[in-house]
């Protein structure tokens, strides 16, 4: 409340494990943090690049995009290297991880 709301929150989402709960957030916790920050745009990072956790590489992105967000928040999930136009609030992002082996 003191510093928000934020135009954008970039928060980690991935490589989680119950044993790592003090250093890595689960997708549910990451969304909760974005809501608490009152972020208008939310970019989940730290997922889909390498395997450290015991979940499938695409699980963090699949789970986080299924969690309801606040009414005034949108999630952006660009493919690695995809450009994000911060001035275009209608820019759409595909679930690029679906169907990738």
Protein backbone atom coordinates (compact mmCIF):
# COMPACT_ATOMS: atom_id res chain seq x y z
CA UNK A 1 0.00 0.00 0.00
CA UNK A 2 2.84 2.38 0.81
CA UNK A 3 4.54 2.17 -2.61
CA UNK A 4 1.88 0.79 -4.94
CA UNK A 5 0.08 0.36 -7.12
CA UNK A 6 2.75 -0.76 -9.57
CA UNK A 7 2.58 -0.54 -13.35
CA UNK A 8 4.38 -3.86 -13.62
CA UNK A 9 5.58 -6.62 -11.30
CA UNK A 10 8.23 -9.08 -12.48
CA UNK A 11 8.04 -12.03 -10.11
CA UNK A 12 9.64 -15.46 -10.05
CA UNK A 13 7.51 -18.42 -10.95
CA UNK A 14 9.21 -21.74 -11.20
CA UNK A 15 11.63 -24.25 -9.84
CA UNK A 16 9.58 -24.59 -6.67
CA UNK A 17 9.50 -27.44 -4.21
CA UNK A 18 7.96 -27.80 -0.76
CA UNK A 19 11.47 -28.01 0.69
CA UNK A 20 12.36 -24.67 -0.91
CA UNK A 21 9.32 -22.75 0.36
CA UNK A 22 11.47 -20.04 1.93
CA UNK A 23 13.36 -19.23 -1.28
CA UNK A 24 10.98 -20.07 -4.16
CA UNK A 25 7.29 -19.23 -4.51
CA UNK A 26 4.66 -21.55 -5.96
CA UNK A 27 2.44 -20.18 -8.76
CA UNK A 28 -0.34 -19.49 -6.21
CA UNK A 29 2.05 -17.51 -4.02
CA UNK A 30 3.39 -15.59 -7.00
CA UNK A 31 -0.10 -14.49 -8.06
CA UNK A 32 -0.87 -13.53 -4.45
CA UNK A 33 2.28 -11.38 -4.41
CA UNK A 34 1.26 -9.65 -7.67
CA UNK A 35 -2.18 -8.94 -6.22
CA UNK A 36 -0.66 -7.67 -2.97
CA UNK A 37 1.60 -5.36 -5.00
CA UNK A 38 -1.47 -4.09 -6.87
CA UNK A 39 0.33 -4.71 -10.16
CA UNK A 40 -1.42 -3.64 -13.34
CA UNK A 41 0.74 -5.97 -15.42
CA UNK A 42 2.33 -9.14 -14.11
CA UNK A 43 5.28 -10.90 -15.79
CA UNK A 44 6.15 -14.31 -14.32
CA UNK A 45 9.82 -15.23 -14.78
CA UNK A 46 12.26 -17.96 -13.71
CA UNK A 47 10.36 -20.72 -15.46
CA UNK A 48 10.57 -22.64 -18.72
CA UNK A 49 14.33 -22.33 -19.09
CA UNK A 50 15.94 -25.15 -17.13
CA UNK A 51 14.93 -27.92 -14.76
CA UNK A 52 15.83 -27.63 -11.12
CA UNK A 53 12.52 -28.49 -9.47
CA UNK A 54 10.79 -31.85 -9.59
CA UNK A 55 7.94 -30.60 -11.77
CA UNK A 56 7.65 -30.57 -15.56
CA UNK A 57 9.38 -27.60 -17.17
CA UNK A 58 6.07 -26.11 -18.33
CA UNK A 59 4.07 -26.68 -15.12
CA UNK A 60 4.77 -23.23 -13.60
CA UNK A 61 3.43 -21.43 -16.70
CA UNK A 62 0.48 -23.79 -17.08
CA UNK A 63 -0.51 -23.36 -13.43
CA UNK A 64 -0.02 -19.61 -13.18
CA UNK A 65 -2.17 -18.90 -16.24
CA UNK A 66 -5.05 -20.90 -14.69
CA UNK A 67 -5.15 -18.84 -11.47
CA UNK A 68 -7.67 -15.96 -11.43
CA UNK A 69 -6.06 -12.52 -11.30
CA UNK A 70 -7.42 -9.27 -9.97
CA UNK A 71 -9.90 -7.39 -12.15
CA UNK A 72 -7.42 -4.69 -13.11
CA UNK A 73 -4.43 -6.97 -13.69
CA UNK A 74 -3.20 -8.81 -16.73
CA UNK A 75 -0.53 -11.45 -17.04
CA UNK A 76 1.97 -11.37 -19.88
CA UNK A 77 3.76 -14.55 -20.92
CA UNK A 78 6.03 -13.77 -23.86
CA UNK A 79 8.02 -16.57 -25.44
CA UNK A 80 11.73 -16.31 -24.65
CA UNK A 81 13.00 -13.45 -26.83
CA UNK A 82 9.53 -12.17 -27.80
CA UNK A 83 9.13 -8.40 -27.71
CA UNK A 84 6.68 -6.86 -25.27
CA UNK A 85 5.14 -3.51 -26.21
CA UNK A 86 4.52 -1.81 -22.88
CA UNK A 87 2.37 0.82 -24.60
CA UNK A 88 -0.02 -1.78 -26.05
CA UNK A 89 -2.34 -3.09 -23.34
CA UNK A 90 -4.16 -5.22 -25.92
CA UNK A 91 -1.06 -7.22 -26.92
CA UNK A 92 -1.87 -10.90 -26.67
CA UNK A 93 0.49 -13.71 -25.75
CA UNK A 94 -0.02 -17.32 -26.79
CA UNK A 95 0.47 -20.21 -24.42
CA UNK A 96 3.65 -21.01 -26.35
CA UNK A 97 4.67 -23.77 -23.92
CA UNK A 98 1.66 -25.91 -24.79
CA UNK A 99 2.61 -28.73 -27.12
CA UNK A 100 6.36 -28.18 -26.77
CA UNK A 101 8.19 -31.37 -25.88
